[in-house]
Amino acid sequence: MAEHKHGEMDISVQTGTFNGFVKFVTWTVALLIVLALFLLIFAS
């Protein structure tokens, strides 16, 4: 069995996926805040 050496694994795919997820969540929260403000101002 191969020995594990800390820090040698290629994690570029996981990093890209995580960064995409964070960007998606950020934009979604921003959109929800804008929608809530719109409803607060114009809903009667």
PDB file of N, CA and C in Angstrom:
ATOM      1  N   MET A   1       0.833  -1.170   0.000  1.00  0.00           N
ATOM      2  CA  MET A   1       0.000   0.000   0.000  1.00  0.00           C
ATOM      3  C   MET A   1       0.890   1.250   0.000  1.00  0.00           C
ATOM      4  N   ALA A   2       0.500   2.256  -0.778  1.00  0.00           N
ATOM      5  CA  ALA A   2       1.301   3.471  -0.881  1.00  0.00           C
ATOM      6  C   ALA A   2       1.214   4.289   0.400  1.00  0.00           C
ATOM      7  N   GLU A   3       2.314   4.934   0.712  1.00  0.00           N
ATOM      8  CA  GLU A   3       2.330   5.785   1.899  1.00  0.00           C
ATOM      9  C   GLU A   3       1.710   7.137   1.570  1.00  0.00           C
ATOM     10  N   HIS A   4       0.959   7.653   2.513  1.00  0.00           N
ATOM     11  CA  HIS A   4       0.327   8.961   2.353  1.00  0.00           C
ATOM     12  C   HIS A   4       1.307  10.054   2.761  1.00  0.00           C
ATOM     13  N   LYS A   5       1.447  11.064   1.896  1.00  0.00           N
ATOM     14  CA  LYS A   5       2.284  12.214   2.214  1.00  0.00           C
ATOM     15  C   LYS A   5       1.392  13.444   2.217  1.00  0.00           C
ATOM     16  N   HIS A   6       1.314  14.096   3.362  1.00  0.00           N
ATOM     17  CA  HIS A   6       0.431  15.240   3.552  1.00  0.00           C
ATOM     18  C   HIS A   6       0.795  16.378   2.594  1.00  0.00           C
ATOM     19  N   GLY A   7      -0.229  16.911   1.898  1.00  0.00           N
ATOM     20  CA  GLY A   7      -0.038  18.077   1.053  1.00  0.00           C
ATOM     21  C   GLY A   7       0.324  17.781  -0.389  1.00  0.00           C
ATOM     22  N   GLU A   8       0.324  16.534  -0.812  1.00  0.00           N
ATOM     23  CA  GLU A   8       0.707  16.218  -2.189  1.00  0.00           C
ATOM     24  C   GLU A   8      -0.473  15.916  -3.095  1.00  0.00           C
ATOM     25  N   MET A   9      -1.685  15.861  -2.564  1.00  0.00           N
ATOM     26  CA  MET A   9      -2.861  15.547  -3.364  1.00  0.00           C
ATOM     27  C   MET A   9      -3.297  16.777  -4.164  1.00  0.00           C
ATOM     28  N   ASP A  10      -3.696  16.561  -5.420  1.00  0.00           N
ATOM     29  CA  ASP A  10      -4.186  17.650  -6.254  1.00  0.00           C
ATOM     30  C   ASP A  10      -5.646  17.919  -5.886  1.00  0.00           C
ATOM     31  N   ILE A  11      -5.915  19.088  -5.317  1.00  0.00           N
ATOM     32  CA  ILE A  11      -7.273  19.414  -4.890  1.00  0.00           C
ATOM     33  C   ILE A  11      -7.854  20.567  -5.710  1.00  0.00           C
ATOM     34  N   SER A  12      -7.363  20.777  -6.916  1.00  0.00           N
ATOM     35  CA  SER A  12      -7.826  21.904  -7.720  1.00  0.00           C
ATOM     36  C   SER A  12      -9.308  21.768  -8.081  1.00  0.00           C
ATOM     37  N   VAL A  13      -9.785  20.548  -8.326  1.00  0.00           N
ATOM     38  CA  VAL A  13     -11.193  20.355  -8.663  1.00  0.00           C
ATOM     39  C   VAL A  13     -12.068  20.676  -7.455  1.00  0.00           C
ATOM     40  N   GLN A  14     -11.674  20.198  -6.279  1.00  0.00           N
ATOM     41  CA  GLN A  14     -12.447  20.476  -5.073  1.00  0.00           C
ATOM     42  C   GLN A  14     -12.441  21.967  -4.751  1.00  0.00           C
ATOM     43  N   THR A  15     -11.312  22.624  -4.934  1.00  0.00           N
ATOM     44  CA  THR A  15     -11.215  24.057  -4.681  1.00  0.00           C
ATOM     45  C   THR A  15     -12.120  24.838  -5.632  1.00  0.00           C
ATOM     46  N   GLY A  16     -12.113  24.463  -6.901  1.00  0.00           N
ATOM     47  CA  GLY A  16     -12.977  25.125  -7.877  1.00  0.00           C
ATOM     48  C   GLY A  16     -14.446  24.927  -7.564  1.00  0.00           C
ATOM     49  N   THR A  17     -14.811  23.715  -7.152  1.00  0.00           N
ATOM     50  CA  THR A  17     -16.197  23.441  -6.784  1.00  0.00           C
ATOM     51  C   THR A  17     -16.614  24.262  -5.579  1.00  0.00           C
ATOM     52  N   PHE A  18     -15.767  24.318  -4.574  1.00  0.00           N
ATOM     53  CA  PHE A  18     -16.071  25.103  -3.371  1.00  0.00           C
ATOM     54  C   PHE A  18     -16.213  26.585  -3.708  1.00  0.00           C
ATOM     55  N   ASN A  19     -15.304  27.116  -4.522  1.00  0.00           N
ATOM     56  CA  ASN A  19     -15.377  28.530  -4.899  1.00  0.00           C
ATOM     57  C   ASN A  19     -16.653  28.822  -5.683  1.00  0.00           C
ATOM     58  N   GLY A  20     -17.048  27.908  -6.561  1.00  0.00           N
ATOM     59  CA  GLY A  20     -18.301  28.068  -7.298  1.00  0.00           C
ATOM     60  C   GLY A  20     -19.500  28.052  -6.375  1.00  0.00           C
ATOM     61  N   PHE A  21     -19.482  27.167  -5.391  1.00  0.00           N
ATOM     62  CA  PHE A  21     -20.571  27.086  -4.419  1.00  0.00           C
ATOM     63  C   PHE A  21     -20.681  28.368  -3.609  1.00  0.00           C
ATOM     64  N   VAL A  22     -19.553  28.896  -3.152  1.00  0.00           N
ATOM     65  CA  VAL A  22     -19.557  30.136  -2.369  1.00  0.00           C
ATOM     66  C   VAL A  22     -20.085  31.294  -3.215  1.00  0.00           C
ATOM     67  N   LYS A  23     -19.682  31.355  -4.475  1.00  0.00           N
ATOM     68  CA  LYS A  23     -20.161  32.416  -5.364  1.00  0.00           C
ATOM     69  C   LYS A  23     -21.673  32.289  -5.583  1.00  0.00           C
ATOM     70  N   PHE A  24     -22.155  31.066  -5.778  1.00  0.00           N
ATOM     71  CA  PHE A  24     -23.584  30.830  -5.968  1.00  0.00           C
ATOM     72  C   PHE A  24     -24.380  31.257  -4.744  1.00  0.00           C
ATOM     73  N   VAL A  25     -23.922  30.884  -3.562  1.00  0.00           N
ATOM     74  CA  VAL A  25     -24.627  31.232  -2.326  1.00  0.00           C
ATOM     75  C   VAL A  25     -24.610  32.743  -2.118  1.00  0.00           C
ATOM     76  N   THR A  26     -23.492  33.388  -2.395  1.00  0.00           N
ATOM     77  CA  THR A  26     -23.384  34.835  -2.237  1.00  0.00           C
ATOM     78  C   THR A  26     -24.377  35.561  -3.137  1.00  0.00           C
ATOM     79  N   TRP A  27     -24.438  35.179  -4.412  1.00  0.00           N
ATOM     80  CA  TRP A  27     -25.363  35.816  -5.350  1.00  0.00           C
ATOM     81  C   TRP A  27     -26.817  35.525  -4.992  1.00  0.00           C
ATOM     82  N   THR A  28     -27.089  34.314  -4.511  1.00  0.00           N
ATOM     83  CA  THR A  28     -28.451  33.966  -4.123  1.00  0.00           C
ATOM     84  C   THR A  28     -28.910  34.788  -2.923  1.00  0.00           C
ATOM     85  N   VAL A  29     -28.057  34.926  -1.922  1.00  0.00           N
ATOM     86  CA  VAL A  29     -28.407  35.726  -0.744  1.00  0.00           C
ATOM     87  C   VAL A  29     -28.600  37.189  -1.140  1.00  0.00           C
ATOM     88  N   ALA A  30     -27.738  37.715  -1.991  1.00  0.00           N
ATOM     89  CA  ALA A  30     -27.880  39.098  -2.446  1.00  0.00           C
ATOM     90  C   ALA A  30     -29.201  39.285  -3.188  1.00  0.00           C
ATOM     91  N   LEU A  31     -29.558  38.342  -4.041  1.00  0.00           N
ATOM     92  CA  LEU A  31     -30.815  38.422  -4.777  1.00  0.00           C
ATOM     93  C   LEU A  31     -32.007  38.366  -3.827  1.00  0.00           C
ATOM     94  N   LEU A  32     -31.947  37.506  -2.823  1.00  0.00           N
ATOM     95  CA  LEU A  32     -33.040  37.415  -1.855  1.00  0.00           C
ATOM     96  C   LEU A  32     -33.189  38.703  -1.037  1.00  0.00           C
ATOM     97  N   ILE A  33     -32.076  39.332  -0.707  1.00  0.00           N
ATOM     98  CA  ILE A  33     -32.134  40.602   0.026  1.00  0.00           C
ATOM     99  C   ILE A  33     -32.771  41.684  -0.836  1.00  0.00           C
ATOM    100  N   VAL A  34     -32.379  41.747  -2.109  1.00  0.00           N
ATOM    101  CA  VAL A  34     -32.970  42.734  -3.025  1.00  0.00           C
ATOM    102  C   VAL A  34     -34.462  42.462  -3.190  1.00  0.00           C
ATOM    103  N   LEU A  35     -34.837  41.204  -3.324  1.00  0.00           N
ATOM    104  CA  LEU A  35     -36.249  40.853  -3.452  1.00  0.00           C
ATOM    105  C   LEU A  35     -37.027  41.247  -2.197  1.00  0.00           C
ATOM    106  N   ALA A  36     -36.474  40.990  -1.031  1.00  0.00           N
ATOM    107  CA  ALA A  36     -37.136  41.359   0.219  1.00  0.00           C
ATOM    108  C   ALA A  36     -37.303  42.876   0.330  1.00  0.00           C
ATOM    109  N   LEU A  37     -36.277  43.621  -0.054  1.00  0.00           N
ATOM    110  CA  LEU A  37     -36.385  45.085  -0.033  1.00  0.00           C
ATOM    111  C   LEU A  37     -37.436  45.578  -1.020  1.00  0.00           C
ATOM    112  N   PHE A  38     -37.490  44.969  -2.195  1.00  0.00           N
ATOM    113  CA  PHE A  38     -38.488  45.329  -3.205  1.00  0.00           C
ATOM    114  C   PHE A  38     -39.904  45.092  -2.653  1.00  0.00           C
ATOM    115  N   LEU A  39     -40.101  43.936  -2.033  1.00  0.00           N
ATOM    116  CA  LEU A  39     -41.416  43.631  -1.470  1.00  0.00           C
ATOM    117  C   LEU A  39     -41.739  44.554  -0.301  1.00  0.00           C
ATOM    118  N   LEU A  40     -40.742  44.901   0.485  1.00  0.00           N
ATOM    119  CA  LEU A  40     -40.955  45.802   1.611  1.00  0.00           C
ATOM    120  C   LEU A  40     -41.406  47.173   1.130  1.00  0.00           C
ATOM    121  N   ILE A  41     -40.840  47.645   0.035  1.00  0.00           N
ATOM    122  CA  ILE A  41     -41.146  48.971  -0.458  1.00  0.00           C
ATOM    123  C   ILE A  41     -42.458  48.994  -1.247  1.00  0.00           C
ATOM    124  N   PHE A  42     -42.670  48.015  -2.136  1.00  0.00           N
ATOM    125  CA  PHE A  42     -43.780  48.096  -3.086  1.00  0.00           C
ATOM    126  C   PHE A  42     -44.974  47.212  -2.771  1.00  0.00           C
ATOM    127  N   ALA A  43     -44.848  46.271  -1.869  1.00  0.00           N
ATOM    128  CA  ALA A  43     -46.001  45.418  -1.536  1.00  0.00           C
ATOM    129  C   ALA A  43     -46.956  46.170  -0.623  1.00  0.00           C
ATOM    130  N   SER A  44     -48.235  46.000  -0.885  1.00  0.00           N
ATOM    131  CA  SER A  44     -49.196  46.702  -0.032  1.00  0.00           C
ATOM    132  C   SER A  44     -50.232  45.751   0.520  1.00  0.00           C
TER     133      SER A  44
END
